[in-house]
Amino acid sequence: MTTSYRGRFAPSPTGPLHFGSLMAAVGSYLQARSQGGQWFVRIEDLDPPREVPGAADDILRTLEAFGFEWDGEVMYQSRRHAAYEAALEKLRRDGTLYACACTRREIADSSVNGIEGPVYPGTCRGGLQPGRNARAWRVRVDGAVVEFDDLLQGRQRSALATDIGDFVVKRADGFFAYQLAVVVDDAEAGITEVVRGADLLHSTPRQIHLQRLLGLPTPRYLHLPVVLNEQGEKLSKQTYAAPVDRANPLPALCWALELLGQLPPSPLHDGGLEDFWRWAMQNWSVAAVQRKSDVALGE
């Protein structure tokens, strides 16, 4: 059975694939394949200062070693600057984009806090002050209120002006912001459902706002619990999460399934990758995934 479902996995090449990213990959892969859909891989190499040379190829080799099979060619954000610039130009023509000269310190000193830190106070909305140069480019949120239903986390609502404020779409260092690139790339790939970690749940209203401004379709969203280490921190490169073992993939795959609420039978732990994926695709159930934002690695 094939369907029009199109999902994706989009790692950043800041180091080897760790268990937290593996669990997100497993969830997105099974959500696509269990419905006869397609699954794509995008390398989000948009932030060179944070990237590790060779990490992108290493991640792809790891996915292959774990039995993932993606559709089409891998998309690299580093090759898509023209598409992002075209999106910026549309925002500029429509009057929703403006230059910002503020430093982080200035914003922090004149802001109230929202859901992810200081809310931009709109200092440069009316134009740059004399003698100030543009550092970044922001998009207006005005009175936008975004509501959406997350398949796992439930109904979500964000008043962008008070939660986030006008947000950056091109950074002071000249790089395109994550929010803009993701929206443009998901539309280009025809993604119908975004399955990713719940740490990105608060990014979704900004992305939906950009989709509306750019006239792009809004996919469905499913935010999986992220994995926490023994210190209660999200597994990440920043918290020194260990890479998964390419030579022995089944233990990590079975553990990821269990943390996602699935119950793989004991023989699956000692079988082959083909048996694992066959069982996982046939038995995948979103309803079994815990409806929370995080799970402990040892649960």
C-alpha atoms as a PDB file:
ATOM      1  CA  MET A   1       0.000   0.000   0.000  1.00  0.00           C
ATOM      2  CA  THR A   2       1.281   3.471  -0.865  1.00  0.00           C
ATOM      3  CA  THR A   3      -0.194   6.779   0.250  1.00  0.00           C
ATOM      4  CA  SER A   4       0.453  10.470  -0.264  1.00  0.00           C
ATOM      5  CA  TYR A   5       2.083  10.659   3.184  1.00  0.00           C
ATOM      6  CA  ARG A   6       5.493  12.365   3.125  1.00  0.00           C
ATOM      7  CA  GLY A   7       7.570  12.538   6.294  1.00  0.00           C
ATOM      8  CA  ARG A   8      11.153  13.488   7.042  1.00  0.00           C
ATOM      9  CA  PHE A   9      14.071  13.321   9.455  1.00  0.00           C
ATOM     10  CA  ALA A  10      16.272  16.414   9.619  1.00  0.00           C
ATOM     11  CA  PRO A  11      19.415  16.075  11.771  1.00  0.00           C
ATOM     12  CA  SER A  12      22.017  18.796  12.233  1.00  0.00           C
ATOM     13  CA  PRO A  13      25.630  17.690  11.564  1.00  0.00           C
ATOM     14  CA  THR A  14      26.984  18.875  14.901  1.00  0.00           C
ATOM     15  CA  GLY A  15      28.319  15.416  15.794  1.00  0.00           C
ATOM     16  CA  PRO A  16      27.520  11.706  15.528  1.00  0.00           C
ATOM     17  CA  LEU A  17      23.955  10.443  15.820  1.00  0.00           C
ATOM     18  CA  HIS A  18      23.040   9.919  19.492  1.00  0.00           C
ATOM     19  CA  PHE A  19      20.171   7.991  21.052  1.00  0.00           C
ATOM     20  CA  GLY A  20      17.846  10.987  21.343  1.00  0.00           C
ATOM     21  CA  SER A  21      18.073  11.678  17.623  1.00  0.00           C
ATOM     22  CA  LEU A  22      17.767   7.968  16.880  1.00  0.00           C
ATOM     23  CA  MET A  23      14.464   7.816  18.759  1.00  0.00           C
ATOM     24  CA  ALA A  24      13.119  10.765  16.763  1.00  0.00           C
ATOM     25  CA  ALA A  25      14.237   9.050  13.560  1.00  0.00           C
ATOM     26  CA  VAL A  26      12.542   5.790  14.574  1.00  0.00           C
ATOM     27  CA  GLY A  27       9.275   7.572  15.365  1.00  0.00           C
ATOM     28  CA  SER A  28       9.200   9.586  12.153  1.00  0.00           C
ATOM     29  CA  TYR A  29      10.219   6.574  10.046  1.00  0.00           C
ATOM     30  CA  LEU A  30       7.565   4.286  11.485  1.00  0.00           C
ATOM     31  CA  GLN A  31       4.867   6.954  11.261  1.00  0.00           C
ATOM     32  CA  ALA A  32       5.609   7.191   7.533  1.00  0.00           C
ATOM     33  CA  ARG A  33       6.241   3.558   6.650  1.00  0.00           C
ATOM     34  CA  SER A  34       3.339   2.157   8.680  1.00  0.00           C
ATOM     35  CA  GLN A  35       1.047   4.223   6.444  1.00  0.00           C
ATOM     36  CA  GLY A  36       2.769   3.240   3.216  1.00  0.00           C
ATOM     37  CA  GLY A  37       4.244   6.719   2.976  1.00  0.00           C
ATOM     38  CA  GLN A  38       7.570   8.180   1.914  1.00  0.00           C
ATOM     39  CA  TRP A  39      10.353   9.234   4.275  1.00  0.00           C
ATOM     40  CA  PHE A  40      13.007  11.782   3.387  1.00  0.00           C
ATOM     41  CA  VAL A  41      16.260  12.885   4.996  1.00  0.00           C
ATOM     42  CA  ARG A  42      17.414  16.494   5.178  1.00  0.00           C
ATOM     43  CA  ILE A  43      20.780  17.574   6.576  1.00  0.00           C
ATOM     44  CA  GLU A  44      20.334  20.892   8.368  1.00  0.00           C
ATOM     45  CA  ASP A  45      23.838  22.230   7.751  1.00  0.00           C
ATOM     46  CA  LEU A  46      22.819  25.849   8.074  1.00  0.00           C
ATOM     47  CA  ASP A  47      25.092  26.845  10.969  1.00  0.00           C
ATOM     48  CA  PRO A  48      28.762  26.257   9.996  1.00  0.00           C
ATOM     49  CA  PRO A  49      30.268  27.409  13.331  1.00  0.00           C
ATOM     50  CA  ARG A  50      28.425  24.567  15.130  1.00  0.00           C
ATOM     51  CA  GLU A  51      29.035  21.854  12.548  1.00  0.00           C
ATOM     52  CA  VAL A  52      31.604  19.068  12.814  1.00  0.00           C
ATOM     53  CA  PRO A  53      33.472  18.152   9.613  1.00  0.00           C
ATOM     54  CA  GLY A  54      32.373  14.745   8.368  1.00  0.00           C
ATOM     55  CA  ALA A  55      29.367  14.555  10.709  1.00  0.00           C
ATOM     56  CA  ALA A  56      26.783  14.631   7.909  1.00  0.00           C
ATOM     57  CA  ASP A  57      28.277  11.602   6.165  1.00  0.00           C
ATOM     58  CA  ASP A  58      28.679   9.853   9.512  1.00  0.00           C
ATOM     59  CA  ILE A  59      24.993  10.363  10.339  1.00  0.00           C
ATOM     60  CA  LEU A  60      23.935   8.982   6.963  1.00  0.00           C
ATOM     61  CA  ARG A  61      26.158   5.915   7.379  1.00  0.00           C
ATOM     62  CA  THR A  62      24.670   5.348  10.824  1.00  0.00           C
ATOM     63  CA  LEU A  63      21.118   5.538   9.491  1.00  0.00           C
ATOM     64  CA  GLU A  64      22.028   2.984   6.831  1.00  0.00           C
ATOM     65  CA  ALA A  65      23.648   0.689   9.407  1.00  0.00           C
ATOM     66  CA  PHE A  66      20.447   0.823  11.474  1.00  0.00           C
ATOM     67  CA  GLY A  67      18.348  -0.235   8.490  1.00  0.00           C
ATOM     68  CA  PHE A  68      16.687   3.076   7.588  1.00  0.00           C
ATOM     69  CA  GLU A  69      15.871   3.429   3.894  1.00  0.00           C
ATOM     70  CA  TRP A  70      15.008   6.937   2.739  1.00  0.00           C
ATOM     71  CA  ASP A  71      13.331   8.073  -0.455  1.00  0.00           C
ATOM     72  CA  GLY A  72      14.933  10.314  -3.046  1.00  0.00           C
ATOM     73  CA  GLU A  73      18.121  12.273  -2.592  1.00  0.00           C
ATOM     74  CA  VAL A  74      19.265  13.750   0.691  1.00  0.00           C
ATOM     75  CA  MET A  75      18.496  17.482   0.887  1.00  0.00           C
ATOM     76  CA  TYR A  76      21.261  19.762   2.208  1.00  0.00           C
ATOM     77  CA  GLN A  77      20.273  23.179   3.520  1.00  0.00           C
ATOM     78  CA  SER A  78      23.712  24.568   2.652  1.00  0.00           C
ATOM     79  CA  ARG A  79      22.753  24.212  -1.024  1.00  0.00           C
ATOM     80  CA  ARG A  80      19.425  26.048  -0.719  1.00  0.00           C
ATOM     81  CA  HIS A  81      20.393  29.633   0.025  1.00  0.00           C
ATOM     82  CA  ALA A  82      18.721  30.900  -3.160  1.00  0.00           C
ATOM     83  CA  ALA A  83      15.381  29.459  -2.024  1.00  0.00           C
ATOM     84  CA  TYR A  84      15.699  31.116   1.383  1.00  0.00           C
ATOM     85  CA  GLU A  85      16.662  34.433  -0.200  1.00  0.00           C
ATOM     86  CA  ALA A  86      13.585  34.229  -2.441  1.00  0.00           C
ATOM     87  CA  ALA A  87      11.395  33.713   0.631  1.00  0.00           C
ATOM     88  CA  LEU A  88      13.006  36.734   2.310  1.00  0.00           C
ATOM     89  CA  GLU A  89      12.350  38.814  -0.787  1.00  0.00           C
ATOM     90  CA  LYS A  90       8.653  37.903  -0.708  1.00  0.00           C
ATOM     91  CA  LEU A  91       8.441  38.913   2.947  1.00  0.00           C
ATOM     92  CA  ARG A  92      10.219  42.163   2.097  1.00  0.00           C
ATOM     93  CA  ARG A  93       7.841  42.943  -0.791  1.00  0.00           C
ATOM     94  CA  ASP A  94       4.842  42.237   1.406  1.00  0.00           C
ATOM     95  CA  GLY A  95       6.072  44.597   4.129  1.00  0.00           C
ATOM     96  CA  THR A  96       6.400  41.953   6.826  1.00  0.00           C
ATOM     97  CA  LEU A  97      10.225  41.991   6.976  1.00  0.00           C
ATOM     98  CA  TYR A  98      12.361  44.677   8.577  1.00  0.00           C
ATOM     99  CA  ALA A  99      15.979  45.297   9.522  1.00  0.00           C
ATOM    100  CA  CYS A 100      17.000  45.175  13.177  1.00  0.00           C
ATOM    101  CA  ALA A 101      20.093  46.789  14.691  1.00  0.00           C
ATOM    102  CA  CYS A 102      19.590  45.596  18.272  1.00  0.00           C
ATOM    103  CA  THR A 103      22.190  43.580  20.148  1.00  0.00           C
ATOM    104  CA  ARG A 104      21.251  40.719  22.443  1.00  0.00           C
ATOM    105  CA  ARG A 105      22.127  42.866  25.456  1.00  0.00           C
ATOM    106  CA  GLU A 106      19.874  45.688  24.286  1.00  0.00           C
ATOM    107  CA  ILE A 107      16.988  43.274  23.768  1.00  0.00           C
ATOM    108  CA  ALA A 108      17.493  41.644  27.161  1.00  0.00           C
ATOM    109  CA  ASP A 109      17.648  45.025  28.905  1.00  0.00           C
ATOM    110  CA  SER A 110      14.383  46.279  27.401  1.00  0.00           C
ATOM    111  CA  SER A 111      12.297  43.111  27.209  1.00  0.00           C
ATOM    112  CA  VAL A 112       9.972  40.947  29.195  1.00  0.00           C
ATOM    113  CA  ASN A 113      10.460  37.198  29.070  1.00  0.00           C
ATOM    114  CA  GLY A 114       8.342  34.930  26.909  1.00  0.00           C
ATOM    115  CA  ILE A 115       8.365  31.180  26.429  1.00  0.00           C
ATOM    116  CA  GLU A 116      11.958  31.090  25.140  1.00  0.00           C
ATOM    117  CA  GLY A 117      13.599  34.082  26.781  1.00  0.00           C
ATOM    118  CA  PRO A 118      13.347  37.813  26.040  1.00  0.00           C
ATOM    119  CA  VAL A 119      10.462  38.943  23.824  1.00  0.00           C
ATOM    120  CA  TYR A 120      11.666  41.395  21.194  1.00  0.00           C
ATOM    121  CA  PRO A 121      10.196  44.819  22.142  1.00  0.00           C
ATOM    122  CA  GLY A 122       9.856  46.098  18.564  1.00  0.00           C
ATOM    123  CA  THR A 123      12.588  48.723  18.819  1.00  0.00           C
ATOM    124  CA  CYS A 124      13.380  48.752  15.077  1.00  0.00           C
ATOM    125  CA  ARG A 125       9.856  48.187  13.763  1.00  0.00           C
ATOM    126  CA  GLY A 126       9.537  51.765  12.573  1.00  0.00           C
ATOM    127  CA  GLY A 127      12.992  51.869  10.981  1.00  0.00           C
ATOM    128  CA  LEU A 128      16.613  52.038  12.095  1.00  0.00           C
ATOM    129  CA  GLN A 129      17.746  54.914  14.265  1.00  0.00           C
ATOM    130  CA  PRO A 130      20.318  57.283  12.700  1.00  0.00           C
ATOM    131  CA  GLY A 131      23.802  55.805  12.824  1.00  0.00           C
ATOM    132  CA  ARG A 132      22.584  52.251  13.405  1.00  0.00           C
ATOM    133  CA  ASN A 133      23.278  49.463  10.923  1.00  0.00           C
ATOM    134  CA  ALA A 134      21.175  46.395  10.245  1.00  0.00           C
ATOM    135  CA  ARG A 135      22.364  43.332  12.135  1.00  0.00           C
ATOM    136  CA  ALA A 136      19.512  40.916  11.523  1.00  0.00           C
ATOM    137  CA  TRP A 137      16.178  40.709   9.729  1.00  0.00           C
ATOM    138  CA  ARG A 138      12.934  40.128  11.587  1.00  0.00           C
ATOM    139  CA  VAL A 139       9.407  39.235  10.554  1.00  0.00           C
ATOM    140  CA  ARG A 140       6.403  41.027  12.046  1.00  0.00           C
ATOM    141  CA  VAL A 141       3.965  38.988  14.088  1.00  0.00           C
ATOM    142  CA  ASP A 142       1.512  41.838  14.781  1.00  0.00           C
ATOM    143  CA  GLY A 143      -1.501  40.310  16.544  1.00  0.00           C
ATOM    144  CA  ALA A 144      -1.057  36.809  15.146  1.00  0.00           C
ATOM    145  CA  VAL A 145      -2.495  34.003  17.255  1.00  0.00           C
ATOM    146  CA  VAL A 146      -1.606  30.524  16.036  1.00  0.00           C
ATOM    147  CA  GLU A 147      -3.577  27.453  17.030  1.00  0.00           C
ATOM    148  CA  PHE A 148      -2.967  23.899  15.884  1.00  0.00           C
ATOM    149  CA  ASP A 149      -3.645  20.337  16.955  1.00  0.00           C
ATOM    150  CA  ASP A 150      -0.579  18.243  17.646  1.00  0.00           C
ATOM    151  CA  LEU A 151      -1.316  14.563  17.115  1.00  0.00           C
ATOM    152  CA  LEU A 152       0.360  13.658  20.410  1.00  0.00           C
ATOM    153  CA  GLN A 153       0.650  16.824  22.512  1.00  0.00           C
ATOM    154  CA  GLY A 154      -2.907  18.024  21.843  1.00  0.00           C
ATOM    155  CA  ARG A 155      -4.309  21.492  21.156  1.00  0.00           C
ATOM    156  CA  GLN A 156      -1.686  24.260  21.101  1.00  0.00           C
ATOM    157  CA  ARG A 157      -2.151  28.023  21.107  1.00  0.00           C
ATOM    158  CA  SER A 158       0.374  30.834  20.899  1.00  0.00           C
ATOM    159  CA  ALA A 159      -0.092  34.601  20.883  1.00  0.00           C
ATOM    160  CA  LEU A 160       3.148  35.365  19.096  1.00  0.00           C
ATOM    161  CA  ALA A 161       3.422  39.009  20.151  1.00  0.00           C
ATOM    162  CA  THR A 162       3.563  38.116  23.851  1.00  0.00           C
ATOM    163  CA  ASP A 163       5.151  34.660  23.601  1.00  0.00           C
ATOM    164  CA  ILE A 164       7.958  35.432  21.142  1.00  0.00           C
ATOM    165  CA  GLY A 165       7.703  38.871  19.538  1.00  0.00           C
ATOM    166  CA  ASP A 166       8.909  39.711  16.038  1.00  0.00           C
ATOM    167  CA  PHE A 167      11.447  36.969  15.341  1.00  0.00           C
ATOM    168  CA  VAL A 168      14.670  36.667  13.364  1.00  0.00           C
ATOM    169  CA  VAL A 169      14.635  35.068   9.913  1.00  0.00           C
ATOM    170  CA  LYS A 170      18.170  36.095   8.934  1.00  0.00           C
ATOM    171  CA  ARG A 171      20.770  36.293  11.657  1.00  0.00           C
ATOM    172  CA  ALA A 172      23.332  38.950  12.480  1.00  0.00           C
ATOM    173  CA  ASP A 173      26.131  36.611  11.338  1.00  0.00           C
ATOM    174  CA  GLY A 174      24.558  36.434   7.878  1.00  0.00           C
ATOM    175  CA  PHE A 175      23.157  32.917   8.184  1.00  0.00           C
ATOM    176  CA  PHE A 176      19.500  32.141   7.548  1.00  0.00           C
ATOM    177  CA  ALA A 177      17.485  31.321  10.653  1.00  0.00           C
ATOM    178  CA  TYR A 178      16.224  27.821  11.351  1.00  0.00           C
ATOM    179  CA  GLN A 179      12.558  28.859  11.337  1.00  0.00           C
ATOM    180  CA  LEU A 180      12.680  30.205   7.786  1.00  0.00           C
ATOM    181  CA  ALA A 181      14.752  27.373   6.304  1.00  0.00           C
ATOM    182  CA  VAL A 182      12.567  24.640   7.784  1.00  0.00           C
ATOM    183  CA  VAL A 183       9.381  26.180   6.397  1.00  0.00           C
ATOM    184  CA  VAL A 184      10.822  26.620   2.906  1.00  0.00           C
ATOM    185  CA  ASP A 185      12.333  23.118   2.843  1.00  0.00           C
ATOM    186  CA  ASP A 186       9.262  21.296   4.151  1.00  0.00           C
ATOM    187  CA  ALA A 187       7.172  22.964   1.457  1.00  0.00           C
ATOM    188  CA  GLU A 188       9.706  22.156  -1.267  1.00  0.00           C
ATOM    189  CA  ALA A 189       9.715  18.479  -0.233  1.00  0.00           C
ATOM    190  CA  GLY A 190       5.922  18.334   0.013  1.00  0.00           C
ATOM    191  CA  ILE A 191       6.065  17.164   3.627  1.00  0.00           C
ATOM    192  CA  THR A 192       2.569  16.303   4.869  1.00  0.00           C
ATOM    193  CA  GLU A 193       3.428  15.579   8.510  1.00  0.00           C
ATOM    194  CA  VAL A 194       6.354  16.716  10.648  1.00  0.00           C
ATOM    195  CA  VAL A 195       7.352  14.196  13.320  1.00  0.00           C
ATOM    196  CA  ARG A 196      10.100  15.480  15.638  1.00  0.00           C
ATOM    197  CA  GLY A 197      11.047  16.023  19.273  1.00  0.00           C
ATOM    198  CA  ALA A 198       8.854  18.003  21.659  1.00  0.00           C
ATOM    199  CA  ASP A 199      11.727  20.426  22.264  1.00  0.00           C
ATOM    200  CA  LEU A 200      10.642  21.990  18.954  1.00  0.00           C
ATOM    201  CA  LEU A 201       6.971  22.308  19.894  1.00  0.00           C
ATOM    202  CA  HIS A 202       7.331  26.031  20.646  1.00  0.00           C
ATOM    203  CA  SER A 203       8.925  26.598  17.228  1.00  0.00           C
ATOM    204  CA  THR A 204       5.814  25.391  15.440  1.00  0.00           C
ATOM    205  CA  PRO A 205       3.671  28.574  15.829  1.00  0.00           C
ATOM    206  CA  ARG A 206       6.451  30.642  14.259  1.00  0.00           C
ATOM    207  CA  GLN A 207       6.702  28.193  11.395  1.00  0.00           C
ATOM    208  CA  ILE A 208       2.948  28.211  10.825  1.00  0.00           C
ATOM    209  CA  HIS A 209       3.020  32.036  10.866  1.00  0.00           C
ATOM    210  CA  LEU A 210       5.716  32.000   8.173  1.00  0.00           C
ATOM    211  CA  GLN A 211       3.786  29.439   6.138  1.00  0.00           C
ATOM    212  CA  ARG A 212       0.807  31.775   6.123  1.00  0.00           C
ATOM    213  CA  LEU A 213       2.887  34.802   5.154  1.00  0.00           C
ATOM    214  CA  LEU A 214       4.608  32.893   2.346  1.00  0.00           C
ATOM    215  CA  GLY A 215       1.458  31.181   1.092  1.00  0.00           C
ATOM    216  CA  LEU A 216       2.828  27.710   1.840  1.00  0.00           C
ATOM    217  CA  PRO A 217       0.872  24.656   3.038  1.00  0.00           C
ATOM    218  CA  THR A 218       0.855  23.742   6.722  1.00  0.00           C
ATOM    219  CA  PRO A 219       1.638  20.084   7.431  1.00  0.00           C
ATOM    220  CA  ARG A 220       0.313  18.121  10.380  1.00  0.00           C
ATOM    221  CA  TYR A 221       2.535  17.986  13.462  1.00  0.00           C
ATOM    222  CA  LEU A 222       3.461  15.230  15.890  1.00  0.00           C
ATOM    223  CA  HIS A 223       5.961  16.064  18.632  1.00  0.00           C
ATOM    224  CA  LEU A 224       7.496  13.031  20.327  1.00  0.00           C
ATOM    225  CA  PRO A 225       8.876  13.023  23.878  1.00  0.00           C
ATOM    226  CA  VAL A 226      12.566  13.897  24.013  1.00  0.00           C
ATOM    227  CA  VAL A 227      14.988  11.677  25.936  1.00  0.00           C
ATOM    228  CA  LEU A 228      16.537  12.967  29.175  1.00  0.00           C
ATOM    229  CA  ASN A 229      19.812  11.806  30.696  1.00  0.00           C
ATOM    230  CA  GLU A 230      20.379  10.938  34.365  1.00  0.00           C
ATOM    231  CA  GLN A 231      20.772  14.647  35.191  1.00  0.00           C
ATOM    232  CA  GLY A 232      17.388  15.456  33.666  1.00  0.00           C
ATOM    233  CA  GLU A 233      18.956  17.143  30.643  1.00  0.00           C
ATOM    234  CA  LYS A 234      17.899  16.528  27.056  1.00  0.00           C
ATOM    235  CA  LEU A 235      20.255  14.155  25.264  1.00  0.00           C
ATOM    236  CA  SER A 236      22.218  16.326  22.859  1.00  0.00           C
ATOM    237  CA  LYS A 237      25.699  17.129  21.631  1.00  0.00           C
ATOM    238  CA  GLN A 238      25.800  19.907  24.239  1.00  0.00           C
ATOM    239  CA  THR A 239      25.192  17.418  27.074  1.00  0.00           C
ATOM    240  CA  TYR A 240      27.822  15.035  25.657  1.00  0.00           C
ATOM    241  CA  ALA A 241      25.382  12.339  24.563  1.00  0.00           C
ATOM    242  CA  ALA A 242      27.270   9.264  23.383  1.00  0.00           C
ATOM    243  CA  PRO A 243      26.956   8.182  19.751  1.00  0.00           C
ATOM    244  CA  VAL A 244      24.897   5.091  19.011  1.00  0.00           C
ATOM    245  CA  ASP A 245      26.783   1.900  18.146  1.00  0.00           C
ATOM    246  CA  ARG A 246      26.675   1.248  14.406  1.00  0.00           C
ATOM    247  CA  ALA A 247      28.093  -2.238  14.900  1.00  0.00           C
ATOM    248  CA  ASN A 248      25.254  -3.314  17.205  1.00  0.00           C
ATOM    249  CA  PRO A 249      22.048  -1.484  16.264  1.00  0.00           C
ATOM    250  CA  LEU A 250      19.320  -3.764  17.646  1.00  0.00           C
ATOM    251  CA  PRO A 251      19.627  -2.953  21.380  1.00  0.00           C
ATOM    252  CA  ALA A 252      19.262   0.784  20.719  1.00  0.00           C
ATOM    253  CA  LEU A 253      16.428   0.259  18.237  1.00  0.00           C
ATOM    254  CA  CYS A 254      14.481  -1.959  20.623  1.00  0.00           C
ATOM    255  CA  TRP A 255      15.012   0.487  23.485  1.00  0.00           C
ATOM    256  CA  ALA A 256      13.814   3.379  21.314  1.00  0.00           C
ATOM    257  CA  LEU A 257      10.671   1.406  20.489  1.00  0.00           C
ATOM    258  CA  GLU A 258      10.016   0.736  24.165  1.00  0.00           C
ATOM    259  CA  LEU A 259      10.445   4.398  25.128  1.00  0.00           C
ATOM    260  CA  LEU A 260       7.961   5.196  22.364  1.00  0.00           C
ATOM    261  CA  GLY A 261       5.435   2.957  24.094  1.00  0.00           C
ATOM    262  CA  GLN A 262       5.713   0.022  21.725  1.00  0.00           C
ATOM    263  CA  LEU A 263       6.299  -3.472  23.143  1.00  0.00           C
ATOM    264  CA  PRO A 264       8.664  -5.436  20.908  1.00  0.00           C
ATOM    265  CA  PRO A 265       8.626  -9.175  21.730  1.00  0.00           C
ATOM    266  CA  SER A 266      11.762 -10.685  23.259  1.00  0.00           C
ATOM    267  CA  PRO A 267      12.825 -12.635  20.128  1.00  0.00           C
ATOM    268  CA  LEU A 268      13.075  -9.323  18.267  1.00  0.00           C
ATOM    269  CA  HIS A 269      16.043  -8.340  20.434  1.00  0.00           C
ATOM    270  CA  ASP A 270      18.064 -11.245  19.065  1.00  0.00           C
ATOM    271  CA  GLY A 271      16.839 -11.259  15.462  1.00  0.00           C
ATOM    272  CA  GLY A 272      17.922  -9.285  12.435  1.00  0.00           C
ATOM    273  CA  LEU A 273      17.199  -5.760  11.261  1.00  0.00           C
ATOM    274  CA  GLU A 274      14.745  -6.973   8.638  1.00  0.00           C
ATOM    275  CA  ASP A 275      12.652  -8.766  11.272  1.00  0.00           C
ATOM    276  CA  PHE A 276      12.827  -5.741  13.567  1.00  0.00           C
ATOM    277  CA  TRP A 277      11.574  -3.272  10.992  1.00  0.00           C
ATOM    278  CA  ARG A 278       8.895  -5.615   9.679  1.00  0.00           C
ATOM    279  CA  TRP A 279       7.440  -6.064  13.168  1.00  0.00           C
ATOM    280  CA  ALA A 280       7.795  -2.354  14.017  1.00  0.00           C
ATOM    281  CA  MET A 281       6.006  -1.188  10.870  1.00  0.00           C
ATOM    282  CA  GLN A 282       3.181  -3.682  11.287  1.00  0.00           C
ATOM    283  CA  ASN A 283       2.646  -2.861  14.968  1.00  0.00           C
ATOM    284  CA  TRP A 284       3.411   0.866  15.193  1.00  0.00           C
ATOM    285  CA  SER A 285       0.766   2.756  17.189  1.00  0.00           C
ATOM    286  CA  VAL A 286       0.890   6.480  17.930  1.00  0.00           C
ATOM    287  CA  ALA A 287      -1.802   5.899  20.553  1.00  0.00           C
ATOM    288  CA  ALA A 288       0.737   3.929  22.596  1.00  0.00           C
ATOM    289  CA  VAL A 289       3.263   6.787  22.768  1.00  0.00           C
ATOM    290  CA  GLN A 290       3.255   8.635  26.092  1.00  0.00           C
ATOM    291  CA  ARG A 291       1.524  12.003  25.829  1.00  0.00           C
ATOM    292  CA  LYS A 292       4.269  14.013  27.478  1.00  0.00           C
ATOM    293  CA  SER A 293       7.190  16.150  26.448  1.00  0.00           C
ATOM    294  CA  ASP A 294      10.030  13.990  27.744  1.00  0.00           C
ATOM    295  CA  VAL A 295      11.025  10.532  28.937  1.00  0.00           C
ATOM    296  CA  ALA A 296      13.995   9.474  31.048  1.00  0.00           C
ATOM    297  CA  LEU A 297      16.603   7.317  29.352  1.00  0.00           C
ATOM    298  CA  GLY A 298      16.245   4.719  32.095  1.00  0.00           C
ATOM    299  CA  GLU A 299      12.441   4.482  32.054  1.00  0.00           C
END
